[in-house]
Amino acid sequence: MSPLAFFIAATVVTLIQWLRLRDSRLLALLAMFLLLAIGHFHDDDWYAARPWHLLGGMAGLALLYMLSPRHPRPS
């Protein structure tokens, strides 16, 4: 299976899960998979693919921030 096919399938599965659950954290995961799929679509041109891969990485970092536990601040 090519990386493009994997990321397209992951995007579709995540979209279906978001439609089912309406969890906002799934939107960051959806964005990451979609941006990486676009990056792999431009696999023949590294310069065209690079911004999409960087944006996919940024979406992954946003997902990491969203999943981080929140600690109450001391008063």
PDB file of N, CA and C in Angstrom:
ATOM      1  N   MET A   1       0.851  -1.175   0.000  1.00  0.00           N
ATOM      2  CA  MET A   1       0.000   0.000   0.000  1.00  0.00           C
ATOM      3  C   MET A   1       0.900   1.242   0.000  1.00  0.00           C
ATOM      4  N   SER A   2       0.576   2.173  -0.845  1.00  0.00           N
ATOM      5  CA  SER A   2       1.374   3.395  -0.928  1.00  0.00           C
ATOM      6  C   SER A   2       1.011   4.333   0.232  1.00  0.00           C
ATOM      7  N   PRO A   3       1.934   5.232   0.586  1.00  0.00           N
ATOM      8  CA  PRO A   3       1.619   6.192   1.661  1.00  0.00           C
ATOM      9  C   PRO A   3       0.414   7.067   1.302  1.00  0.00           C
ATOM     10  N   LEU A   4       0.257   7.402   0.026  1.00  0.00           N
ATOM     11  CA  LEU A   4      -0.884   8.223  -0.377  1.00  0.00           C
ATOM     12  C   LEU A   4      -2.194   7.493  -0.085  1.00  0.00           C
ATOM     13  N   ALA A   5      -2.268   6.225  -0.448  1.00  0.00           N
ATOM     14  CA  ALA A   5      -3.490   5.448  -0.199  1.00  0.00           C
ATOM     15  C   ALA A   5      -3.768   5.327   1.296  1.00  0.00           C
ATOM     16  N   PHE A   6      -2.716   5.129   2.071  1.00  0.00           N
ATOM     17  CA  PHE A   6      -2.890   5.037   3.528  1.00  0.00           C
ATOM     18  C   PHE A   6      -3.465   6.326   4.095  1.00  0.00           C
ATOM     19  N   PHE A   7      -2.901   7.473   3.709  1.00  0.00           N
ATOM     20  CA  PHE A   7      -3.364   8.739   4.283  1.00  0.00           C
ATOM     21  C   PHE A   7      -4.760   9.104   3.788  1.00  0.00           C
ATOM     22  N   ILE A   8      -5.118   8.717   2.568  1.00  0.00           N
ATOM     23  CA  ILE A   8      -6.488   8.952   2.094  1.00  0.00           C
ATOM     24  C   ILE A   8      -7.464   8.095   2.900  1.00  0.00           C
ATOM     25  N   ALA A   9      -7.119   6.819   3.103  1.00  0.00           N
ATOM     26  CA  ALA A   9      -7.990   5.943   3.893  1.00  0.00           C
ATOM     27  C   ALA A   9      -8.111   6.448   5.327  1.00  0.00           C
ATOM     28  N   ALA A  10      -7.004   6.879   5.912  1.00  0.00           N
ATOM     29  CA  ALA A  10      -7.043   7.405   7.279  1.00  0.00           C
ATOM     30  C   ALA A  10      -7.896   8.667   7.357  1.00  0.00           C
ATOM     31  N   THR A  11      -7.841   9.507   6.326  1.00  0.00           N
ATOM     32  CA  THR A  11      -8.662  10.717   6.289  1.00  0.00           C
ATOM     33  C   THR A  11     -10.141  10.365   6.250  1.00  0.00           C
ATOM     34  N   VAL A  12     -10.500   9.402   5.411  1.00  0.00           N
ATOM     35  CA  VAL A  12     -11.909   9.001   5.292  1.00  0.00           C
ATOM     36  C   VAL A  12     -12.416   8.398   6.604  1.00  0.00           C
ATOM     37  N   VAL A  13     -11.634   7.523   7.213  1.00  0.00           N
ATOM     38  CA  VAL A  13     -12.043   6.904   8.478  1.00  0.00           C
ATOM     39  C   VAL A  13     -12.187   7.960   9.569  1.00  0.00           C
ATOM     40  N   THR A  14     -11.269   8.906   9.622  1.00  0.00           N
ATOM     41  CA  THR A  14     -11.347   9.967  10.636  1.00  0.00           C
ATOM     42  C   THR A  14     -12.555  10.862  10.397  1.00  0.00           C
ATOM     43  N   LEU A  15     -12.862  11.149   9.141  1.00  0.00           N
ATOM     44  CA  LEU A  15     -14.052  11.951   8.829  1.00  0.00           C
ATOM     45  C   LEU A  15     -15.318  11.233   9.275  1.00  0.00           C
ATOM     46  N   ILE A  16     -15.396   9.946   9.029  1.00  0.00           N
ATOM     47  CA  ILE A  16     -16.568   9.176   9.460  1.00  0.00           C
ATOM     48  C   ILE A  16     -16.684   9.196  10.986  1.00  0.00           C
ATOM     49  N   GLN A  17     -15.557   9.033  11.668  1.00  0.00           N
ATOM     50  CA  GLN A  17     -15.579   9.077  13.131  1.00  0.00           C
ATOM     51  C   GLN A  17     -15.995  10.461  13.634  1.00  0.00           C
ATOM     52  N   TRP A  18     -15.540  11.517  12.969  1.00  0.00           N
ATOM     53  CA  TRP A  18     -15.922  12.866  13.398  1.00  0.00           C
ATOM     54  C   TRP A  18     -17.422  13.083  13.190  1.00  0.00           C
ATOM     55  N   LEU A  19     -17.949  12.586  12.074  1.00  0.00           N
ATOM     56  CA  LEU A  19     -19.388  12.720  11.838  1.00  0.00           C
ATOM     57  C   LEU A  19     -20.195  11.949  12.882  1.00  0.00           C
ATOM     58  N   ARG A  20     -19.649  10.848  13.366  1.00  0.00           N
ATOM     59  CA  ARG A  20     -20.307  10.059  14.398  1.00  0.00           C
ATOM     60  C   ARG A  20     -20.226  10.706  15.772  1.00  0.00           C
ATOM     61  N   LEU A  21     -19.038  11.193  16.146  1.00  0.00           N
ATOM     62  CA  LEU A  21     -18.792  11.623  17.522  1.00  0.00           C
ATOM     63  C   LEU A  21     -18.795  13.134  17.734  1.00  0.00           C
ATOM     64  N   ARG A  22     -18.494  13.895  16.697  1.00  0.00           N
ATOM     65  CA  ARG A  22     -18.406  15.367  16.782  1.00  0.00           C
ATOM     66  C   ARG A  22     -17.400  15.819  17.846  1.00  0.00           C
ATOM     67  N   ASP A  23     -16.291  15.103  17.944  1.00  0.00           N
ATOM     68  CA  ASP A  23     -15.226  15.455  18.887  1.00  0.00           C
ATOM     69  C   ASP A  23     -14.246  16.390  18.177  1.00  0.00           C
ATOM     70  N   SER A  24     -14.005  17.551  18.740  1.00  0.00           N
ATOM     71  CA  SER A  24     -13.163  18.549  18.062  1.00  0.00           C
ATOM     72  C   SER A  24     -11.721  18.081  17.900  1.00  0.00           C
ATOM     73  N   ARG A  25     -11.268  17.166  18.747  1.00  0.00           N
ATOM     74  CA  ARG A  25      -9.904  16.656  18.618  1.00  0.00           C
ATOM     75  C   ARG A  25      -9.715  15.877  17.325  1.00  0.00           C
ATOM     76  N   LEU A  26     -10.794  15.314  16.825  1.00  0.00           N
ATOM     77  CA  LEU A  26     -10.699  14.568  15.568  1.00  0.00           C
ATOM     78  C   LEU A  26     -10.446  15.503  14.385  1.00  0.00           C
ATOM     79  N   LEU A  27     -10.806  16.765  14.508  1.00  0.00           N
ATOM     80  CA  LEU A  27     -10.557  17.710  13.415  1.00  0.00           C
ATOM     81  C   LEU A  27      -9.065  17.936  13.202  1.00  0.00           C
ATOM     82  N   ALA A  28      -8.299  18.002  14.293  1.00  0.00           N
ATOM     83  CA  ALA A  28      -6.847  18.148  14.158  1.00  0.00           C
ATOM     84  C   ALA A  28      -6.239  16.898  13.532  1.00  0.00           C
ATOM     85  N   LEU A  29      -6.730  15.731  13.914  1.00  0.00           N
ATOM     86  CA  LEU A  29      -6.253  14.484  13.320  1.00  0.00           C
ATOM     87  C   LEU A  29      -6.638  14.413  11.846  1.00  0.00           C
ATOM     88  N   LEU A  30      -7.847  14.841  11.534  1.00  0.00           N
ATOM     89  CA  LEU A  30      -8.310  14.876  10.143  1.00  0.00           C
ATOM     90  C   LEU A  30      -7.439  15.810   9.314  1.00  0.00           C
ATOM     91  N   ALA A  31      -7.139  16.977   9.845  1.00  0.00           N
ATOM     92  CA  ALA A  31      -6.286  17.930   9.134  1.00  0.00           C
ATOM     93  C   ALA A  31      -4.896  17.350   8.899  1.00  0.00           C
ATOM     94  N   MET A  32      -4.345  16.671   9.899  1.00  0.00           N
ATOM     95  CA  MET A  32      -3.019  16.084   9.758  1.00  0.00           C
ATOM     96  C   MET A  32      -3.006  15.043   8.642  1.00  0.00           C
ATOM     97  N   PHE A  33      -3.977  14.123   8.655  1.00  0.00           N
ATOM     98  CA  PHE A  33      -4.019  13.095   7.619  1.00  0.00           C
ATOM     99  C   PHE A  33      -4.249  13.696   6.242  1.00  0.00           C
ATOM    100  N   LEU A  34      -5.130  14.692   6.146  1.00  0.00           N
ATOM    101  CA  LEU A  34      -5.423  15.318   4.855  1.00  0.00           C
ATOM    102  C   LEU A  34      -4.198  16.041   4.302  1.00  0.00           C
ATOM    103  N   LEU A  35      -3.520  16.800   5.134  1.00  0.00           N
ATOM    104  CA  LEU A  35      -2.337  17.532   4.683  1.00  0.00           C
ATOM    105  C   LEU A  35      -1.204  16.590   4.279  1.00  0.00           C
ATOM    106  N   LEU A  36      -1.042  15.490   5.002  1.00  0.00           N
ATOM    107  CA  LEU A  36      -0.023  14.519   4.621  1.00  0.00           C
ATOM    108  C   LEU A  36      -0.392  13.804   3.323  1.00  0.00           C
ATOM    109  N   ALA A  37      -1.688  13.561   3.113  1.00  0.00           N
ATOM    110  CA  ALA A  37      -2.120  12.957   1.849  1.00  0.00           C
ATOM    111  C   ALA A  37      -1.822  13.893   0.679  1.00  0.00           C
ATOM    112  N   ILE A  38      -2.081  15.174   0.855  1.00  0.00           N
ATOM    113  CA  ILE A  38      -1.774  16.145  -0.203  1.00  0.00           C
ATOM    114  C   ILE A  38      -0.274  16.188  -0.442  1.00  0.00           C
ATOM    115  N   GLY A  39       0.503  16.143   0.620  1.00  0.00           N
ATOM    116  CA  GLY A  39       1.960  16.126   0.471  1.00  0.00           C
ATOM    117  C   GLY A  39       2.448  14.918  -0.300  1.00  0.00           C
ATOM    118  N   HIS A  40       1.871  13.761  -0.039  1.00  0.00           N
ATOM    119  CA  HIS A  40       2.277  12.555  -0.761  1.00  0.00           C
ATOM    120  C   HIS A  40       1.736  12.543  -2.186  1.00  0.00           C
ATOM    121  N   PHE A  41       0.687  13.294  -2.451  1.00  0.00           N
ATOM    122  CA  PHE A  41       0.192  13.425  -3.822  1.00  0.00           C
ATOM    123  C   PHE A  41       1.232  14.149  -4.683  1.00  0.00           C
ATOM    124  N   HIS A  42       1.940  15.092  -4.080  1.00  0.00           N
ATOM    125  CA  HIS A  42       2.997  15.845  -4.769  1.00  0.00           C
ATOM    126  C   HIS A  42       4.359  15.196  -4.568  1.00  0.00           C
ATOM    127  N   ASP A  43       4.391  13.893  -4.433  1.00  0.00           N
ATOM    128  CA  ASP A  43       5.616  13.178  -4.086  1.00  0.00           C
ATOM    129  C   ASP A  43       6.705  13.310  -5.153  1.00  0.00           C
ATOM    130  N   ASP A  44       6.315  13.518  -6.405  1.00  0.00           N
ATOM    131  CA  ASP A  44       7.318  13.632  -7.467  1.00  0.00           C
ATOM    132  C   ASP A  44       8.059  14.971  -7.428  1.00  0.00           C
ATOM    133  N   ASP A  45       7.486  15.980  -6.788  1.00  0.00           N
ATOM    134  CA  ASP A  45       8.121  17.300  -6.682  1.00  0.00           C
ATOM    135  C   ASP A  45       8.317  17.625  -5.199  1.00  0.00           C
ATOM    136  N   TRP A  46       9.547  17.474  -4.724  1.00  0.00           N
ATOM    137  CA  TRP A  46       9.821  17.643  -3.308  1.00  0.00           C
ATOM    138  C   TRP A  46       9.486  19.053  -2.826  1.00  0.00           C
ATOM    139  N   TYR A  47       9.735  20.052  -3.664  1.00  0.00           N
ATOM    140  CA  TYR A  47       9.468  21.431  -3.252  1.00  0.00           C
ATOM    141  C   TYR A  47       7.973  21.710  -3.133  1.00  0.00           C
ATOM    142  N   ALA A  48       7.166  21.043  -3.924  1.00  0.00           N
ATOM    143  CA  ALA A  48       5.712  21.218  -3.808  1.00  0.00           C
ATOM    144  C   ALA A  48       5.161  20.443  -2.615  1.00  0.00           C
ATOM    145  N   ALA A  49       5.803  19.328  -2.272  1.00  0.00           N
ATOM    146  CA  ALA A  49       5.309  18.486  -1.175  1.00  0.00           C
ATOM    147  C   ALA A  49       5.712  19.020   0.196  1.00  0.00           C
ATOM    148  N   ARG A  50       6.843  19.703   0.267  1.00  0.00           N
ATOM    149  CA  ARG A  50       7.391  20.122   1.555  1.00  0.00           C
ATOM    150  C   ARG A  50       6.438  20.970   2.397  1.00  0.00           C
ATOM    151  N   PRO A  51       5.792  22.008   1.848  1.00  0.00           N
ATOM    152  CA  PRO A  51       4.887  22.806   2.703  1.00  0.00           C
ATOM    153  C   PRO A  51       3.726  21.986   3.266  1.00  0.00           C
ATOM    154  N   TRP A  52       3.221  21.039   2.487  1.00  0.00           N
ATOM    155  CA  TRP A  52       2.108  20.216   2.955  1.00  0.00           C
ATOM    156  C   TRP A  52       2.544  19.308   4.100  1.00  0.00           C
ATOM    157  N   HIS A  53       3.751  18.750   3.999  1.00  0.00           N
ATOM    158  CA  HIS A  53       4.262  17.927   5.083  1.00  0.00           C
ATOM    159  C   HIS A  53       4.508  18.765   6.346  1.00  0.00           C
ATOM    160  N   LEU A  54       5.011  19.979   6.172  1.00  0.00           N
ATOM    161  CA  LEU A  54       5.218  20.854   7.327  1.00  0.00           C
ATOM    162  C   LEU A  54       3.888  21.220   7.991  1.00  0.00           C
ATOM    163  N   LEU A  55       2.876  21.523   7.186  1.00  0.00           N
ATOM    164  CA  LEU A  55       1.557  21.830   7.745  1.00  0.00           C
ATOM    165  C   LEU A  55       0.952  20.612   8.428  1.00  0.00           C
ATOM    166  N   GLY A  56       1.187  19.425   7.874  1.00  0.00           N
ATOM    167  CA  GLY A  56       0.725  18.201   8.523  1.00  0.00           C
ATOM    168  C   GLY A  56       1.389  18.012   9.875  1.00  0.00           C
ATOM    169  N   GLY A  57       2.679  18.306   9.953  1.00  0.00           N
ATOM    170  CA  GLY A  57       3.385  18.232  11.227  1.00  0.00           C
ATOM    171  C   GLY A  57       2.853  19.242  12.231  1.00  0.00           C
ATOM    172  N   MET A  58       2.511  20.435  11.759  1.00  0.00           N
ATOM    173  CA  MET A  58       1.940  21.446  12.648  1.00  0.00           C
ATOM    174  C   MET A  58       0.569  21.012  13.160  1.00  0.00           C
ATOM    175  N   ALA A  59      -0.223  20.367  12.299  1.00  0.00           N
ATOM    176  CA  ALA A  59      -1.521  19.847  12.748  1.00  0.00           C
ATOM    177  C   ALA A  59      -1.317  18.753  13.790  1.00  0.00           C
ATOM    178  N   GLY A  60      -0.269  17.944  13.626  1.00  0.00           N
ATOM    179  CA  GLY A  60       0.047  16.928  14.627  1.00  0.00           C
ATOM    180  C   GLY A  60       0.434  17.546  15.955  1.00  0.00           C
ATOM    181  N   LEU A  61       1.187  18.640  15.918  1.00  0.00           N
ATOM    182  CA  LEU A  61       1.538  19.336  17.154  1.00  0.00           C
ATOM    183  C   LEU A  61       0.301  19.952  17.815  1.00  0.00           C
ATOM    184  N   ALA A  62      -0.624  20.458  17.002  1.00  0.00           N
ATOM    185  CA  ALA A  62      -1.875  20.991  17.554  1.00  0.00           C
ATOM    186  C   ALA A  62      -2.671  19.876  18.223  1.00  0.00           C
ATOM    187  N   LEU A  63      -2.665  18.694  17.613  1.00  0.00           N
ATOM    188  CA  LEU A  63      -3.348  17.552  18.211  1.00  0.00           C
ATOM    189  C   LEU A  63      -2.689  17.174  19.543  1.00  0.00           C
ATOM    190  N   LEU A  64      -1.389  17.189  19.584  1.00  0.00           N
ATOM    191  CA  LEU A  64      -0.670  16.889  20.819  1.00  0.00           C
ATOM    192  C   LEU A  64      -1.049  17.880  21.921  1.00  0.00           C
ATOM    193  N   TYR A  65      -1.144  19.162  21.568  1.00  0.00           N
ATOM    194  CA  TYR A  65      -1.552  20.179  22.539  1.00  0.00           C
ATOM    195  C   TYR A  65      -2.976  19.918  23.029  1.00  0.00           C
ATOM    196  N   MET A  66      -3.855  19.543  22.106  1.00  0.00           N
ATOM    197  CA  MET A  66      -5.253  19.299  22.476  1.00  0.00           C
ATOM    198  C   MET A  66      -5.396  18.072  23.373  1.00  0.00           C
ATOM    199  N   LEU A  67      -4.511  17.098  23.230  1.00  0.00           N
ATOM    200  CA  LEU A  67      -4.590  15.869  24.020  1.00  0.00           C
ATOM    201  C   LEU A  67      -3.849  15.965  25.351  1.00  0.00           C
ATOM    202  N   SER A  68      -3.051  17.011  25.530  1.00  0.00           N
ATOM    203  CA  SER A  68      -2.293  17.163  26.775  1.00  0.00           C
ATOM    204  C   SER A  68      -3.243  17.413  27.937  1.00  0.00           C
ATOM    205  N   PRO A  69      -3.000  16.757  29.073  1.00  0.00           N
ATOM    206  CA  PRO A  69      -3.886  16.965  30.226  1.00  0.00           C
ATOM    207  C   PRO A  69      -3.742  18.382  30.767  1.00  0.00           C
ATOM    208  N   ARG A  70      -4.829  18.925  31.211  1.00  0.00           N
ATOM    209  CA  ARG A  70      -4.834  20.255  31.801  1.00  0.00           C
ATOM    210  C   ARG A  70      -4.740  20.106  33.318  1.00  0.00           C
ATOM    211  N   HIS A  71      -3.801  20.811  33.904  1.00  0.00           N
ATOM    212  CA  HIS A  71      -3.632  20.767  35.353  1.00  0.00           C
ATOM    213  C   HIS A  71      -4.215  22.036  35.935  1.00  0.00           C
ATOM    214  N   PRO A  72      -4.968  21.902  37.024  1.00  0.00           N
ATOM    215  CA  PRO A  72      -5.528  23.111  37.642  1.00  0.00           C
ATOM    216  C   PRO A  72      -4.410  23.995  38.198  1.00  0.00           C
ATOM    217  N   ARG A  73      -4.594  25.278  38.054  1.00  0.00           N
ATOM    218  CA  ARG A  73      -3.593  26.235  38.570  1.00  0.00           C
ATOM    219  C   ARG A  73      -3.811  26.431  40.065  1.00  0.00           C
ATOM    220  N   PRO A  74      -2.697  26.462  40.801  1.00  0.00           N
ATOM    221  CA  PRO A  74      -2.860  26.698  42.260  1.00  0.00           C
ATOM    222  C   PRO A  74      -3.347  28.120  42.517  1.00  0.00           C
ATOM    223  N   SER A  75      -4.188  28.248  43.555  1.00  0.00           N
ATOM    224  CA  SER A  75      -4.709  29.581  43.857  1.00  0.00           C
ATOM    225  C   SER A  75      -3.976  30.250  44.968  1.00  0.00           C
TER     226      SER A  75
END
